[in-house]
Amino acid sequence: MLFVKTFVLPCEIPYYLCSMQHAIEDLQVRWLKLRIKLKDKYGIKPDMNGVLFLIGIQELGSGKQEFSKEEKQDLMHIAICTILAQSGYYINEGNDEEGWPHFKQLKPLPVFETYEQENFLKDHALLYFQQLGFI
């Protein structure tokens, strides 16, 4: 019988968990700062759906107007496709005759728990606003 002794450094796991916790906290702080900056500019402190709605309006390029419930859902879809295009999940195939952008999915989205999915979208939305020079 052969015995193999393995060594696990006890500090590796807590350090990893601590680093992950700091990354999550950093994401939440950056997200809150974005929401505050949007409140200063637009008078509202939007939640995730509100941020996606604003991105959708920005990408549509139509400015302030009234949208139907279906159009609001379409705007949020445009936002999700736009922010995830940064990571190669979607590509913009152009606009239809009414000026609405259409996207093609290039690869499957990762499967996440609800909070992980929200953090995934937050991270991509922050990158979007960073690339615009807003933050």
C-alpha atoms as a PDB file:
ATOM      1  CA  MET A   1       0.000   0.000   0.000  1.00  0.00           C
ATOM      2  CA  LEU A   2       1.412   3.371  -1.077  1.00  0.00           C
ATOM      3  CA  PHE A   3       0.715   6.492   0.950  1.00  0.00           C
ATOM      4  CA  VAL A   4       1.017   9.875  -0.678  1.00  0.00           C
ATOM      5  CA  LYS A   5       1.184  12.812   1.624  1.00  0.00           C
ATOM      6  CA  THR A   6      -0.272  15.999   0.209  1.00  0.00           C
ATOM      7  CA  PHE A   7       0.230  19.446   1.574  1.00  0.00           C
ATOM      8  CA  VAL A   8      -2.369  22.153   1.361  1.00  0.00           C
ATOM      9  CA  LEU A   9      -1.362  25.602   2.377  1.00  0.00           C
ATOM     10  CA  PRO A  10      -4.082  26.752   4.753  1.00  0.00           C
ATOM     11  CA  CYS A  11      -3.777  30.364   3.622  1.00  0.00           C
ATOM     12  CA  GLU A  12      -4.622  29.651  -0.033  1.00  0.00           C
ATOM     13  CA  ILE A  13      -8.340  29.065   0.391  1.00  0.00           C
ATOM     14  CA  PRO A  14      -9.042  31.973   2.727  1.00  0.00           C
ATOM     15  CA  TYR A  15      -6.918  34.267   0.526  1.00  0.00           C
ATOM     16  CA  TYR A  16      -8.901  33.208  -2.553  1.00  0.00           C
ATOM     17  CA  LEU A  17     -12.218  33.696  -0.793  1.00  0.00           C
ATOM     18  CA  CYS A  18     -11.048  37.029   0.578  1.00  0.00           C
ATOM     19  CA  SER A  19      -9.955  38.153  -2.907  1.00  0.00           C
ATOM     20  CA  MET A  20     -13.301  37.114  -4.377  1.00  0.00           C
ATOM     21  CA  GLN A  21     -15.120  39.017  -1.653  1.00  0.00           C
ATOM     22  CA  HIS A  22     -13.053  42.140  -2.407  1.00  0.00           C
ATOM     23  CA  ALA A  23     -13.806  41.794  -6.124  1.00  0.00           C
ATOM     24  CA  ILE A  24     -17.537  41.522  -5.442  1.00  0.00           C
ATOM     25  CA  GLU A  25     -17.421  44.484  -3.052  1.00  0.00           C
ATOM     26  CA  ASP A  26     -15.452  46.501  -5.629  1.00  0.00           C
ATOM     27  CA  LEU A  27     -18.074  45.701  -8.268  1.00  0.00           C
ATOM     28  CA  GLN A  28     -20.874  46.803  -5.940  1.00  0.00           C
ATOM     29  CA  VAL A  29     -19.054  50.063  -5.098  1.00  0.00           C
ATOM     30  CA  ARG A  30     -18.428  50.842  -8.778  1.00  0.00           C
ATOM     31  CA  TRP A  31     -22.078  50.000  -9.567  1.00  0.00           C
ATOM     32  CA  LEU A  32     -23.337  52.333  -6.838  1.00  0.00           C
ATOM     33  CA  LYS A  33     -21.059  55.130  -8.113  1.00  0.00           C
ATOM     34  CA  LEU A  34     -22.475  54.656 -11.624  1.00  0.00           C
ATOM     35  CA  ARG A  35     -26.050  54.816 -10.320  1.00  0.00           C
ATOM     36  CA  ILE A  36     -25.258  57.992  -8.379  1.00  0.00           C
ATOM     37  CA  LYS A  37     -23.672  59.570 -11.450  1.00  0.00           C
ATOM     38  CA  LEU A  38     -26.748  58.667 -13.510  1.00  0.00           C
ATOM     39  CA  LYS A  39     -28.937  60.193 -10.791  1.00  0.00           C
ATOM     40  CA  ASP A  40     -26.913  63.405 -10.950  1.00  0.00           C
ATOM     41  CA  LYS A  41     -27.309  63.545 -14.741  1.00  0.00           C
ATOM     42  CA  TYR A  42     -30.892  62.306 -15.207  1.00  0.00           C
ATOM     43  CA  GLY A  43     -32.528  62.860 -11.821  1.00  0.00           C
ATOM     44  CA  ILE A  44     -33.112  59.149 -11.168  1.00  0.00           C
ATOM     45  CA  LYS A  45     -30.984  56.467  -9.532  1.00  0.00           C
ATOM     46  CA  PRO A  46     -31.854  53.522 -11.778  1.00  0.00           C
ATOM     47  CA  ASP A  47     -31.812  49.874 -10.846  1.00  0.00           C
ATOM     48  CA  MET A  48     -30.468  47.253 -13.269  1.00  0.00           C
ATOM     49  CA  ASN A  49     -33.540  47.443 -15.516  1.00  0.00           C
ATOM     50  CA  GLY A  50     -33.316  51.229 -15.576  1.00  0.00           C
ATOM     51  CA  VAL A  51     -29.639  51.143 -16.526  1.00  0.00           C
ATOM     52  CA  LEU A  52     -30.375  48.655 -19.309  1.00  0.00           C
ATOM     53  CA  PHE A  53     -33.242  50.854 -20.508  1.00  0.00           C
ATOM     54  CA  LEU A  54     -30.913  53.887 -20.664  1.00  0.00           C
ATOM     55  CA  ILE A  55     -28.302  51.892 -22.598  1.00  0.00           C
ATOM     56  CA  GLY A  56     -30.994  50.726 -25.014  1.00  0.00           C
ATOM     57  CA  ILE A  57     -32.145  54.303 -25.633  1.00  0.00           C
ATOM     58  CA  GLN A  58     -28.524  55.374 -26.139  1.00  0.00           C
ATOM     59  CA  GLU A  59     -27.944  52.601 -28.678  1.00  0.00           C
ATOM     60  CA  LEU A  60     -31.209  53.257 -30.490  1.00  0.00           C
ATOM     61  CA  GLY A  61     -30.189  56.899 -30.742  1.00  0.00           C
ATOM     62  CA  SER A  62     -33.730  58.224 -30.823  1.00  0.00           C
ATOM     63  CA  GLY A  63     -33.536  60.411 -27.729  1.00  0.00           C
ATOM     64  CA  LYS A  64     -36.327  60.962 -25.251  1.00  0.00           C
ATOM     65  CA  GLN A  65     -39.726  59.715 -26.366  1.00  0.00           C
ATOM     66  CA  GLU A  66     -42.582  57.512 -25.245  1.00  0.00           C
ATOM     67  CA  PHE A  67     -42.142  53.772 -25.730  1.00  0.00           C
ATOM     68  CA  SER A  68     -44.715  50.985 -25.600  1.00  0.00           C
ATOM     69  CA  LYS A  69     -44.208  48.114 -23.165  1.00  0.00           C
ATOM     70  CA  GLU A  70     -42.957  45.912 -26.031  1.00  0.00           C
ATOM     71  CA  GLU A  71     -40.545  48.616 -27.200  1.00  0.00           C
ATOM     72  CA  LYS A  72     -39.198  48.962 -23.650  1.00  0.00           C
ATOM     73  CA  GLN A  73     -38.499  45.217 -23.606  1.00  0.00           C
ATOM     74  CA  ASP A  74     -36.820  45.549 -27.004  1.00  0.00           C
ATOM     75  CA  LEU A  75     -34.665  48.398 -25.682  1.00  0.00           C
ATOM     76  CA  MET A  76     -33.518  46.247 -22.779  1.00  0.00           C
ATOM     77  CA  HIS A  77     -32.730  43.437 -25.220  1.00  0.00           C
ATOM     78  CA  ILE A  78     -30.677  45.876 -27.320  1.00  0.00           C
ATOM     79  CA  ALA A  79     -28.815  46.902 -24.161  1.00  0.00           C
ATOM     80  CA  ILE A  80     -28.034  43.340 -23.121  1.00  0.00           C
ATOM     81  CA  CYS A  81     -26.824  42.422 -26.598  1.00  0.00           C
ATOM     82  CA  THR A  82     -24.745  45.607 -26.791  1.00  0.00           C
ATOM     83  CA  ILE A  83     -22.980  45.171 -23.466  1.00  0.00           C
ATOM     84  CA  LEU A  84     -22.390  41.450 -24.013  1.00  0.00           C
ATOM     85  CA  ALA A  85     -21.048  42.093 -27.526  1.00  0.00           C
ATOM     86  CA  GLN A  86     -17.968  43.473 -25.734  1.00  0.00           C
ATOM     87  CA  SER A  87     -17.184  39.892 -24.686  1.00  0.00           C
ATOM     88  CA  GLY A  88     -18.057  38.280 -28.007  1.00  0.00           C
ATOM     89  CA  TYR A  89     -21.486  36.908 -27.111  1.00  0.00           C
ATOM     90  CA  TYR A  90     -23.337  38.967 -29.729  1.00  0.00           C
ATOM     91  CA  ILE A  91     -22.586  40.927 -32.862  1.00  0.00           C
ATOM     92  CA  ASN A  92     -24.590  43.833 -34.248  1.00  0.00           C
ATOM     93  CA  GLU A  93     -25.863  42.852 -37.694  1.00  0.00           C
ATOM     94  CA  GLY A  94     -27.160  46.334 -38.501  1.00  0.00           C
ATOM     95  CA  ASN A  95     -30.413  48.212 -38.223  1.00  0.00           C
ATOM     96  CA  ASP A  96     -33.818  47.448 -39.664  1.00  0.00           C
ATOM     97  CA  GLU A  97     -35.816  49.923 -41.770  1.00  0.00           C
ATOM     98  CA  GLU A  98     -37.081  51.643 -38.592  1.00  0.00           C
ATOM     99  CA  GLY A  99     -33.555  52.098 -37.237  1.00  0.00           C
ATOM    100  CA  TRP A 100     -33.690  49.397 -34.558  1.00  0.00           C
ATOM    101  CA  PRO A 101     -30.445  47.396 -34.207  1.00  0.00           C
ATOM    102  CA  HIS A 102     -30.489  43.626 -34.616  1.00  0.00           C
ATOM    103  CA  PHE A 103     -27.980  41.217 -33.114  1.00  0.00           C
ATOM    104  CA  LYS A 104     -26.791  37.701 -33.744  1.00  0.00           C
ATOM    105  CA  GLN A 105     -25.737  35.483 -30.837  1.00  0.00           C
ATOM    106  CA  LEU A 106     -22.245  34.111 -31.429  1.00  0.00           C
ATOM    107  CA  LYS A 107     -21.804  31.836 -28.428  1.00  0.00           C
ATOM    108  CA  PRO A 108     -23.941  30.517 -25.590  1.00  0.00           C
ATOM    109  CA  LEU A 109     -24.237  32.611 -22.474  1.00  0.00           C
ATOM    110  CA  PRO A 110     -22.790  31.168 -19.277  1.00  0.00           C
ATOM    111  CA  VAL A 111     -25.232  29.598 -16.847  1.00  0.00           C
ATOM    112  CA  PHE A 112     -25.303  31.516 -13.578  1.00  0.00           C
ATOM    113  CA  GLU A 113     -27.282  31.750 -10.402  1.00  0.00           C
ATOM    114  CA  THR A 114     -29.447  34.898 -10.298  1.00  0.00           C
ATOM    115  CA  TYR A 115     -26.988  37.024  -8.286  1.00  0.00           C
ATOM    116  CA  GLU A 116     -24.073  35.891 -10.494  1.00  0.00           C
ATOM    117  CA  GLN A 117     -26.038  36.788 -13.610  1.00  0.00           C
ATOM    118  CA  GLU A 118     -26.755  40.247 -12.221  1.00  0.00           C
ATOM    119  CA  ASN A 119     -23.067  40.755 -11.374  1.00  0.00           C
ATOM    120  CA  PHE A 120     -22.132  39.589 -14.884  1.00  0.00           C
ATOM    121  CA  LEU A 121     -24.462  42.209 -16.378  1.00  0.00           C
ATOM    122  CA  LYS A 122     -23.295  44.901 -13.943  1.00  0.00           C
ATOM    123  CA  ASP A 123     -19.678  44.289 -14.890  1.00  0.00           C
ATOM    124  CA  HIS A 124     -20.484  44.568 -18.604  1.00  0.00           C
ATOM    125  CA  ALA A 125     -22.648  47.672 -18.097  1.00  0.00           C
ATOM    126  CA  LEU A 126     -19.809  49.331 -16.171  1.00  0.00           C
ATOM    127  CA  LEU A 127     -17.427  48.516 -19.015  1.00  0.00           C
ATOM    128  CA  TYR A 128     -19.909  50.038 -21.480  1.00  0.00           C
ATOM    129  CA  PHE A 129     -20.105  53.323 -19.556  1.00  0.00           C
ATOM    130  CA  GLN A 130     -16.332  53.310 -19.072  1.00  0.00           C
ATOM    131  CA  GLN A 131     -15.786  52.966 -22.825  1.00  0.00           C
ATOM    132  CA  LEU A 132     -18.173  55.889 -23.387  1.00  0.00           C
ATOM    133  CA  GLY A 133     -16.071  57.983 -21.005  1.00  0.00           C
ATOM    134  CA  PHE A 134     -18.998  58.402 -18.624  1.00  0.00           C
ATOM    135  CA  ILE A 135     -17.140  56.853 -15.695  1.00  0.00           C
END
